[in-house]
Protein backbone atom coordinates (compact mmCIF):
# COMPACT_ATOMS: atom_id res chain seq x y z
CA MET A 1 -0.80 -12.10 -29.14
CA GLN A 2 -2.81 -9.69 -27.03
CA GLU A 3 -6.50 -9.51 -27.67
CA ARG A 4 -8.24 -6.19 -27.14
CA ILE A 5 -11.75 -4.90 -27.51
CA GLY A 6 -11.52 -1.18 -28.19
CA SER A 7 -9.14 0.16 -25.56
CA ALA A 8 -10.13 -2.37 -22.87
CA VAL A 9 -7.43 -4.70 -21.61
CA LEU A 10 -8.64 -8.26 -21.29
CA PRO A 11 -7.49 -10.69 -18.56
CA GLN A 12 -5.33 -12.63 -21.04
CA ASP A 13 -3.29 -9.45 -21.56
CA ILE A 14 -1.64 -9.82 -18.15
CA SER A 15 2.01 -10.57 -18.67
CA PHE A 16 3.94 -13.21 -16.79
CA ARG A 17 5.78 -10.48 -14.82
CA ASP A 18 2.50 -8.81 -13.85
CA GLU A 19 1.03 -12.10 -12.72
CA ARG A 20 4.15 -12.96 -10.72
CA ALA A 21 4.03 -9.54 -9.01
CA ARG A 22 0.37 -10.07 -8.17
CA GLN A 23 1.17 -13.49 -6.72
CA ARG A 24 4.04 -12.13 -4.58
CA ILE A 25 1.79 -9.41 -3.15
CA TYR A 26 -0.90 -11.99 -2.38
CA GLU A 27 1.64 -14.24 -0.64
CA ALA A 28 3.01 -11.35 1.43
CA VAL A 29 -0.46 -10.25 2.56
CA GLN A 30 -1.32 -13.85 3.44
CA ALA A 31 1.92 -14.23 5.41
CA VAL A 32 1.13 -11.12 7.45
CA GLY A 33 -2.45 -12.22 8.10
CA HIS A 34 -5.38 -10.13 9.27
CA PRO A 35 -5.59 -7.25 10.28
CA GLY A 36 -1.94 -6.59 9.41
CA GLY A 37 -2.40 -7.48 5.75
CA SER A 38 -5.32 -5.09 5.49
CA CYS A 39 -3.28 -2.36 7.15
CA LEU A 40 -0.35 -2.85 4.75
CA TRP A 41 -2.66 -2.93 1.74
CA HIS A 42 -4.42 0.30 2.66
CA VAL A 43 -1.68 2.31 4.36
CA VAL A 44 1.37 1.27 2.34
CA GLY A 45 -0.22 0.12 -0.90
CA LEU A 46 -3.05 2.60 -1.32
CA GLU A 47 -1.31 5.38 0.67
CA GLU A 48 -4.26 5.96 2.99
CA SER A 49 -3.48 7.51 6.34
CA LEU A 50 -3.11 5.17 9.27
CA LYS A 51 -5.75 7.19 11.09
CA HIS A 52 -8.22 6.68 8.23
CA TRP A 53 -7.53 2.93 8.17
CA ALA A 54 -7.93 2.73 11.95
CA THR A 55 -11.27 4.52 11.76
CA GLU A 56 -12.53 2.19 9.03
CA PHE A 57 -11.29 -0.85 10.98
CA ARG A 58 -12.71 0.58 14.25
CA LEU A 59 -9.39 0.68 16.08
CA GLN A 60 -7.82 3.32 18.28
CA PRO A 61 -4.94 5.09 16.46
CA GLU A 62 -2.47 3.79 19.05
CA SER A 63 -3.56 0.22 18.37
CA ALA A 64 -3.38 0.80 14.63
CA SER A 65 0.25 1.88 14.85
CA GLY A 66 0.99 -1.36 16.71
CA VAL A 67 -0.73 -3.34 13.95
CA LEU A 68 1.38 -1.56 11.33
CA ILE A 69 4.63 -2.11 13.21
CA ALA A 70 3.84 -5.80 13.73
CA ALA A 71 2.84 -6.21 10.08
CA LEU A 72 6.08 -4.62 8.89
CA GLY A 73 8.07 -6.91 11.19
CA THR A 74 6.26 -9.96 9.85
CA LEU A 75 6.82 -8.76 6.31
CA GLU A 76 10.53 -8.37 7.04
CA ALA A 77 10.65 -11.95 8.32
CA HIS A 78 8.65 -13.20 5.32
CA TYR A 79 11.27 -11.80 2.96
CA ALA A 80 14.10 -12.80 5.36
CA LEU A 81 15.62 -9.32 5.32
């Protein structure tokens, strides 16, 4: 049974599928490491521009594209695609 206070969703409302999805995302980001995981989270997950992420991470845009390409390659290997 889900417990709610008003319209707020409490932590115990998270379904098994939601928790499993959260865990898989965490594992993928951990497999990619840093800064690649951060890049994937912001650029792919949050749909920020690569230029914006690079600026926040204090990287040159050319370096940021390399980080993204490497992160995507690592992610591909993580899922054995």
